[in-house]
N, C-alpha and C. Protein backbone atom coordinates (compact mmCIF):
# COMPACT_ATOMS: atom_id res chain seq x y z
N MET A 1 -1.87 30.38 -20.56
CA MET A 1 -2.36 30.31 -19.19
C MET A 1 -1.56 31.30 -18.34
N ALA A 2 -2.25 32.10 -17.58
CA ALA A 2 -1.61 33.12 -16.76
C ALA A 2 -0.95 32.50 -15.53
N ASN A 3 0.17 33.08 -15.13
CA ASN A 3 0.85 32.65 -13.91
C ASN A 3 -0.01 33.04 -12.72
N LYS A 4 0.00 32.22 -11.68
CA LYS A 4 -0.84 32.46 -10.52
C LYS A 4 0.00 32.66 -9.27
N MET A 5 -0.47 33.50 -8.39
CA MET A 5 0.15 33.67 -7.08
C MET A 5 -0.27 32.49 -6.21
N ARG A 6 0.71 31.87 -5.56
CA ARG A 6 0.44 30.72 -4.70
C ARG A 6 1.36 30.78 -3.49
N ASN A 7 1.03 29.97 -2.52
CA ASN A 7 1.95 29.76 -1.41
C ASN A 7 2.80 28.55 -1.73
N CYS A 8 4.09 28.65 -1.49
CA CYS A 8 5.01 27.55 -1.75
C CYS A 8 4.65 26.39 -0.82
N PRO A 9 4.48 25.17 -1.36
CA PRO A 9 4.13 24.04 -0.51
C PRO A 9 5.26 23.63 0.45
N GLU A 10 6.47 24.07 0.18
CA GLU A 10 7.61 23.73 1.03
C GLU A 10 7.81 24.73 2.15
N CYS A 11 7.90 26.03 1.82
CA CYS A 11 8.24 27.03 2.83
C CYS A 11 7.07 27.93 3.21
N GLY A 12 6.00 27.92 2.41
CA GLY A 12 4.82 28.71 2.72
C GLY A 12 4.84 30.13 2.19
N ARG A 13 5.96 30.58 1.60
CA ARG A 13 6.03 31.95 1.08
C ARG A 13 5.18 32.10 -0.17
N LEU A 14 4.71 33.32 -0.38
CA LEU A 14 3.94 33.64 -1.57
C LEU A 14 4.89 33.79 -2.76
N PHE A 15 4.51 33.21 -3.92
CA PHE A 15 5.34 33.30 -5.11
C PHE A 15 4.46 33.23 -6.34
N ILE A 16 5.02 33.63 -7.47
CA ILE A 16 4.30 33.52 -8.75
C ILE A 16 4.70 32.17 -9.35
N ASP A 17 3.72 31.30 -9.52
CA ASP A 17 3.98 29.95 -10.03
C ASP A 17 4.14 30.00 -11.55
N THR A 18 5.34 29.68 -11.99
CA THR A 18 5.62 29.65 -13.43
C THR A 18 5.67 28.22 -13.95
N GLY A 19 5.25 27.27 -13.11
CA GLY A 19 5.19 25.88 -13.55
C GLY A 19 5.99 24.93 -12.69
N ALA A 20 6.90 25.44 -11.87
CA ALA A 20 7.74 24.58 -11.04
C ALA A 20 6.97 24.07 -9.81
N GLY A 21 5.94 24.80 -9.40
CA GLY A 21 5.14 24.38 -8.25
C GLY A 21 5.71 24.79 -6.92
N MET A 22 6.88 25.41 -6.91
CA MET A 22 7.52 25.89 -5.69
C MET A 22 8.19 27.22 -5.98
N CYS A 23 8.53 27.95 -4.93
CA CYS A 23 9.25 29.21 -5.12
C CYS A 23 10.66 28.91 -5.61
N SER A 24 11.31 29.90 -6.17
CA SER A 24 12.64 29.70 -6.76
C SER A 24 13.67 29.24 -5.73
N ASP A 25 13.58 29.72 -4.49
CA ASP A 25 14.52 29.29 -3.45
C ASP A 25 14.36 27.80 -3.16
N CYS A 26 13.13 27.32 -3.07
CA CYS A 26 12.88 25.91 -2.78
C CYS A 26 13.25 25.02 -3.98
N VAL A 27 13.05 25.53 -5.20
CA VAL A 27 13.47 24.79 -6.39
C VAL A 27 14.99 24.61 -6.36
N ALA A 28 15.71 25.68 -6.04
CA ALA A 28 17.18 25.60 -5.97
C ALA A 28 17.61 24.62 -4.87
N GLU A 29 16.93 24.67 -3.73
CA GLU A 29 17.25 23.75 -2.63
C GLU A 29 16.98 22.31 -3.03
N GLU A 30 15.88 22.08 -3.75
CA GLU A 30 15.56 20.71 -4.18
C GLU A 30 16.58 20.21 -5.19
N GLU A 31 17.09 21.09 -6.03
CA GLU A 31 18.14 20.68 -6.98
C GLU A 31 19.39 20.23 -6.24
N LYS A 32 19.74 20.91 -5.15
CA LYS A 32 20.89 20.49 -4.32
C LYS A 32 20.62 19.11 -3.71
N LYS A 33 19.39 18.92 -3.22
CA LYS A 33 19.02 17.64 -2.62
C LYS A 33 19.06 16.52 -3.66
N GLU A 34 18.67 16.86 -4.89
CA GLU A 34 18.71 15.87 -5.98
C GLU A 34 20.14 15.37 -6.21
N LEU A 35 21.10 16.27 -6.14
CA LEU A 35 22.50 15.88 -6.30
C LEU A 35 22.94 14.94 -5.17
N VAL A 36 22.48 15.20 -3.96
CA VAL A 36 22.82 14.35 -2.82
C VAL A 36 22.23 12.95 -3.02
N VAL A 37 20.95 12.90 -3.42
CA VAL A 37 20.29 11.60 -3.64
C VAL A 37 20.96 10.86 -4.79
N SER A 38 21.25 11.56 -5.88
CA SER A 38 21.90 10.92 -7.03
C SER A 38 23.24 10.32 -6.64
N SER A 39 24.00 11.05 -5.85
CA SER A 39 25.30 10.57 -5.38
C SER A 39 25.12 9.32 -4.51
N TYR A 40 24.14 9.37 -3.62
CA TYR A 40 23.88 8.22 -2.76
C TYR A 40 23.49 7.00 -3.59
N LEU A 41 22.65 7.20 -4.61
CA LEU A 41 22.20 6.09 -5.44
C LEU A 41 23.32 5.48 -6.28
N ARG A 42 24.28 6.29 -6.69
CA ARG A 42 25.42 5.75 -7.42
C ARG A 42 26.17 4.73 -6.56
N ASP A 43 26.29 5.04 -5.28
CA ASP A 43 27.01 4.16 -4.36
C ASP A 43 26.13 3.06 -3.77
N ASN A 44 24.82 3.25 -3.81
CA ASN A 44 23.88 2.32 -3.17
C ASN A 44 22.68 2.03 -4.06
N PRO A 45 22.90 1.43 -5.24
CA PRO A 45 21.77 1.15 -6.13
C PRO A 45 20.79 0.18 -5.47
N GLY A 46 19.53 0.32 -5.82
CA GLY A 46 18.50 -0.57 -5.27
C GLY A 46 18.01 -0.14 -3.91
N SER A 47 18.36 1.06 -3.47
CA SER A 47 17.94 1.54 -2.16
C SER A 47 16.45 1.84 -2.12
N THR A 48 15.88 1.73 -0.94
CA THR A 48 14.49 2.13 -0.74
C THR A 48 14.46 3.61 -0.37
N ILE A 49 13.30 4.19 -0.46
CA ILE A 49 13.14 5.59 -0.07
C ILE A 49 13.52 5.76 1.40
N ARG A 50 13.13 4.81 2.22
CA ARG A 50 13.44 4.86 3.65
C ARG A 50 14.96 4.88 3.86
N GLN A 51 15.68 4.03 3.12
CA GLN A 51 17.14 3.99 3.25
C GLN A 51 17.77 5.30 2.79
N ILE A 52 17.25 5.87 1.72
CA ILE A 52 17.77 7.16 1.24
C ILE A 52 17.54 8.23 2.29
N TYR A 53 16.34 8.26 2.84
CA TYR A 53 16.01 9.24 3.89
C TYR A 53 16.94 9.09 5.09
N GLU A 54 17.12 7.84 5.55
CA GLU A 54 17.95 7.62 6.73
C GLU A 54 19.40 8.02 6.49
N ALA A 55 19.89 7.83 5.27
CA ALA A 55 21.28 8.16 4.96
C ALA A 55 21.49 9.64 4.67
N THR A 56 20.48 10.31 4.09
CA THR A 56 20.68 11.69 3.65
C THR A 56 19.92 12.72 4.48
N GLY A 57 18.85 12.28 5.16
CA GLY A 57 18.02 13.22 5.91
C GLY A 57 17.01 13.96 5.05
N ILE A 58 16.97 13.65 3.76
CA ILE A 58 16.02 14.30 2.85
C ILE A 58 14.66 13.63 3.03
N LYS A 59 13.63 14.45 3.22
CA LYS A 59 12.29 13.93 3.49
C LYS A 59 11.81 12.97 2.41
N GLU A 60 11.11 11.92 2.85
CA GLU A 60 10.57 10.92 1.92
C GLU A 60 9.64 11.58 0.90
N LYS A 61 8.86 12.55 1.36
CA LYS A 61 7.94 13.27 0.48
C LYS A 61 8.71 13.96 -0.65
N THR A 62 9.85 14.54 -0.32
CA THR A 62 10.68 15.22 -1.31
C THR A 62 11.27 14.22 -2.29
N ILE A 63 11.74 13.08 -1.77
CA ILE A 63 12.31 12.04 -2.64
C ILE A 63 11.24 11.52 -3.59
N MET A 64 10.02 11.29 -3.09
CA MET A 64 8.93 10.82 -3.95
C MET A 64 8.61 11.83 -5.04
N ARG A 65 8.61 13.11 -4.69
CA ARG A 65 8.33 14.15 -5.70
C ARG A 65 9.40 14.11 -6.79
N MET A 66 10.65 13.90 -6.39
CA MET A 66 11.73 13.81 -7.37
C MET A 66 11.55 12.58 -8.27
N ILE A 67 11.18 11.46 -7.67
CA ILE A 67 10.97 10.23 -8.44
C ILE A 67 9.85 10.43 -9.45
N ARG A 68 8.74 11.00 -9.00
CA ARG A 68 7.59 11.22 -9.89
C ARG A 68 7.94 12.17 -11.04
N ALA A 69 8.88 13.06 -10.78
CA ALA A 69 9.32 13.98 -11.83
C ALA A 69 10.31 13.32 -12.78
N GLY A 70 10.68 12.06 -12.50
CA GLY A 70 11.58 11.31 -13.37
C GLY A 70 13.03 11.72 -13.26
N ARG A 71 13.44 12.24 -12.12
CA ARG A 71 14.80 12.76 -11.97
C ARG A 71 15.88 11.71 -11.77
N PHE A 72 15.51 10.48 -11.44
CA PHE A 72 16.54 9.48 -11.14
C PHE A 72 16.58 8.34 -12.13
N ILE A 73 16.01 8.52 -13.30
CA ILE A 73 16.03 7.48 -14.31
C ILE A 73 17.48 7.23 -14.71
N GLY A 74 17.88 5.97 -14.66
CA GLY A 74 19.24 5.62 -15.02
C GLY A 74 20.25 5.81 -13.89
N LYS A 75 19.79 6.16 -12.70
CA LYS A 75 20.69 6.40 -11.57
C LYS A 75 20.70 5.24 -10.59
N GLY A 76 20.18 4.10 -10.98
CA GLY A 76 20.06 2.97 -10.06
C GLY A 76 18.61 2.85 -9.63
N SER A 77 18.19 1.66 -9.39
CA SER A 77 16.80 1.39 -9.05
C SER A 77 16.47 1.84 -7.63
N ILE A 78 15.39 2.58 -7.49
CA ILE A 78 14.89 3.00 -6.18
C ILE A 78 13.58 2.25 -5.98
N THR A 79 13.38 1.71 -4.81
CA THR A 79 12.10 1.07 -4.53
C THR A 79 11.32 1.91 -3.54
N TYR A 80 10.01 1.91 -3.74
CA TYR A 80 9.09 2.66 -2.88
C TYR A 80 7.75 1.95 -2.92
N PRO A 81 6.87 2.24 -1.95
CA PRO A 81 5.61 1.48 -1.88
C PRO A 81 4.59 1.88 -2.95
N CYS A 82 3.89 0.87 -3.46
CA CYS A 82 2.74 1.07 -4.34
C CYS A 82 1.74 1.92 -3.56
N GLU A 83 1.13 2.91 -4.21
CA GLU A 83 0.20 3.81 -3.53
C GLU A 83 -1.10 3.11 -3.13
N ARG A 84 -1.33 1.93 -3.66
CA ARG A 84 -2.59 1.22 -3.38
C ARG A 84 -2.41 0.11 -2.35
N CYS A 85 -1.37 -0.74 -2.51
CA CYS A 85 -1.24 -1.90 -1.63
C CYS A 85 0.03 -1.90 -0.78
N GLY A 86 1.00 -1.04 -1.13
CA GLY A 86 2.21 -0.95 -0.35
C GLY A 86 3.36 -1.84 -0.81
N GLU A 87 3.15 -2.69 -1.82
CA GLU A 87 4.24 -3.52 -2.34
C GLU A 87 5.34 -2.61 -2.89
N LEU A 88 6.60 -3.00 -2.68
CA LEU A 88 7.71 -2.19 -3.18
C LEU A 88 7.80 -2.28 -4.70
N ILE A 89 7.90 -1.10 -5.33
CA ILE A 89 7.99 -0.99 -6.78
C ILE A 89 9.15 -0.06 -7.13
N SER A 90 9.55 -0.04 -8.39
CA SER A 90 10.65 0.83 -8.78
C SER A 90 10.27 1.82 -9.88
N GLU A 91 9.01 1.79 -10.31
CA GLU A 91 8.55 2.78 -11.27
C GLU A 91 7.04 2.92 -11.20
N GLY A 92 6.56 4.09 -11.61
CA GLY A 92 5.13 4.35 -11.60
C GLY A 92 4.58 4.59 -10.20
N ARG A 93 3.25 4.54 -10.11
CA ARG A 93 2.59 4.77 -8.83
C ARG A 93 2.02 3.49 -8.25
N TYR A 94 1.78 2.49 -9.11
CA TYR A 94 1.13 1.25 -8.69
C TYR A 94 1.93 0.04 -9.15
N CYS A 95 1.83 -1.05 -8.37
CA CYS A 95 2.47 -2.30 -8.76
C CYS A 95 1.71 -2.90 -9.95
N VAL A 96 2.27 -3.94 -10.55
CA VAL A 96 1.67 -4.57 -11.73
C VAL A 96 0.27 -5.09 -11.39
N LYS A 97 0.13 -5.75 -10.24
CA LYS A 97 -1.16 -6.32 -9.85
C LYS A 97 -2.22 -5.23 -9.69
N CYS A 98 -1.89 -4.15 -8.98
CA CYS A 98 -2.86 -3.07 -8.77
C CYS A 98 -3.17 -2.35 -10.08
N THR A 99 -2.16 -2.18 -10.93
CA THR A 99 -2.40 -1.55 -12.24
C THR A 99 -3.42 -2.37 -13.03
N GLN A 100 -3.24 -3.69 -13.05
CA GLN A 100 -4.16 -4.57 -13.78
C GLN A 100 -5.56 -4.50 -13.18
N GLU A 101 -5.64 -4.52 -11.85
CA GLU A 101 -6.96 -4.44 -11.19
C GLU A 101 -7.64 -3.12 -11.51
N LEU A 102 -6.89 -2.02 -11.47
CA LEU A 102 -7.47 -0.72 -11.78
C LEU A 102 -7.93 -0.65 -13.24
N GLN A 103 -7.13 -1.20 -14.15
CA GLN A 103 -7.53 -1.23 -15.56
C GLN A 103 -8.80 -2.05 -15.76
N ASN A 104 -8.89 -3.19 -15.07
CA ASN A 104 -10.10 -4.02 -15.15
C ASN A 104 -11.31 -3.27 -14.61
N ASP A 105 -11.13 -2.57 -13.48
CA ASP A 105 -12.23 -1.80 -12.90
C ASP A 105 -12.69 -0.70 -13.85
N ILE A 106 -11.73 -0.03 -14.48
CA ILE A 106 -12.07 1.04 -15.43
C ILE A 106 -12.82 0.46 -16.62
N LYS A 107 -12.38 -0.68 -17.12
CA LYS A 107 -13.06 -1.31 -18.26
C LYS A 107 -14.48 -1.70 -17.89
N LYS A 108 -14.68 -2.28 -16.69
CA LYS A 108 -16.02 -2.65 -16.24
C LYS A 108 -16.92 -1.42 -16.16
N MET A 109 -16.40 -0.33 -15.58
CA MET A 109 -17.20 0.89 -15.46
C MET A 109 -17.51 1.46 -16.84
N SER A 110 -16.55 1.41 -17.73
CA SER A 110 -16.76 1.90 -19.09
C SER A 110 -17.83 1.07 -19.79
N ASP A 111 -17.79 -0.24 -19.63
CA ASP A 111 -18.80 -1.11 -20.23
C ASP A 111 -20.19 -0.80 -19.68
N VAL A 112 -20.28 -0.60 -18.36
CA VAL A 112 -21.57 -0.26 -17.74
C VAL A 112 -22.09 1.07 -18.29
N MET A 113 -21.21 2.07 -18.38
CA MET A 113 -21.63 3.38 -18.88
C MET A 113 -22.05 3.29 -20.35
N ASN A 114 -21.33 2.53 -21.15
CA ASN A 114 -21.69 2.38 -22.56
C ASN A 114 -23.05 1.71 -22.71
N LYS A 115 -23.33 0.70 -21.88
CA LYS A 115 -24.64 0.03 -21.93
C LYS A 115 -25.75 0.99 -21.54
N LYS A 116 -25.53 1.81 -20.53
CA LYS A 116 -26.55 2.79 -20.11
C LYS A 116 -26.80 3.81 -21.22
N GLN A 117 -25.70 4.28 -21.85
CA GLN A 117 -25.86 5.25 -22.94
C GLN A 117 -26.59 4.62 -24.12
N GLN A 118 -26.31 3.36 -24.41
CA GLN A 118 -26.99 2.68 -25.51
C GLN A 118 -28.48 2.54 -25.21
N LYS A 119 -28.84 2.22 -23.97
CA LYS A 119 -30.25 2.12 -23.59
C LYS A 119 -30.95 3.46 -23.77
N ILE A 120 -30.26 4.54 -23.40
CA ILE A 120 -30.85 5.87 -23.55
C ILE A 120 -31.05 6.18 -25.03
N ARG A 121 -30.06 5.89 -25.86
CA ARG A 121 -30.19 6.12 -27.31
C ARG A 121 -31.32 5.28 -27.89
N ASP A 122 -31.39 4.01 -27.48
CA ASP A 122 -32.45 3.12 -27.98
C ASP A 122 -33.83 3.63 -27.57
N SER A 123 -33.96 4.11 -26.34
CA SER A 123 -35.28 4.58 -25.88
C SER A 123 -35.68 5.85 -26.62
N LYS A 124 -34.71 6.69 -26.98
CA LYS A 124 -35.03 7.90 -27.75
C LYS A 124 -35.48 7.54 -29.16
N LEU A 125 -34.86 6.52 -29.76
CA LEU A 125 -35.25 6.09 -31.10
C LEU A 125 -36.66 5.50 -31.09
N ASP A 126 -36.98 4.73 -30.03
CA ASP A 126 -38.31 4.12 -29.93
C ASP A 126 -39.40 5.16 -29.75
N SER A 127 -39.10 6.30 -29.15
CA SER A 127 -40.13 7.28 -28.86
C SER A 127 -40.31 8.31 -29.97
N ARG A 128 -39.63 8.15 -31.10
CA ARG A 128 -39.73 9.14 -32.17
C ARG A 128 -40.71 8.73 -33.26
N GLY A 129 -41.52 7.75 -33.00
CA GLY A 129 -42.44 7.28 -34.03
C GLY A 129 -43.54 8.29 -34.35
N MET A 130 -44.31 8.04 -35.41
CA MET A 130 -45.41 8.91 -35.77
C MET A 130 -46.67 8.39 -35.13
N TYR A 131 -47.52 9.31 -34.76
CA TYR A 131 -48.78 8.95 -34.11
C TYR A 131 -49.93 9.38 -35.02
N SER A 132 -50.99 8.55 -35.05
CA SER A 132 -52.18 8.94 -35.79
C SER A 132 -53.40 8.51 -35.00
N LYS A 133 -54.49 9.16 -35.28
CA LYS A 133 -55.73 8.82 -34.58
C LYS A 133 -56.60 7.94 -35.41
């Protein structure tokens, strides 16, 4: 896959995206911020994203990006809101309840689609008969 020219989502400068999603200056800056957050978490395990932001000044959006990238595994539990209902969680994007509901919804939709596809297959089989006069 070829590298693409993009605007950095942090600073807006044009850069060649090699997979980091940000320009090299912003990647280096985020690595510094990661050290600050890691240090804070060592002293304050179980902190929320809001608490980390208030103590460090690092944007919540940046902290979430770091969490999603798996940068704080083993550094103390961080809690943040479920993207669906807002309940505080410490891993993933959704709480257990929302994850289960989404899985159930996906299964229901899959079952509906499978039934529709089966009806289409059955109707094609029924229409392939031989005709005579």
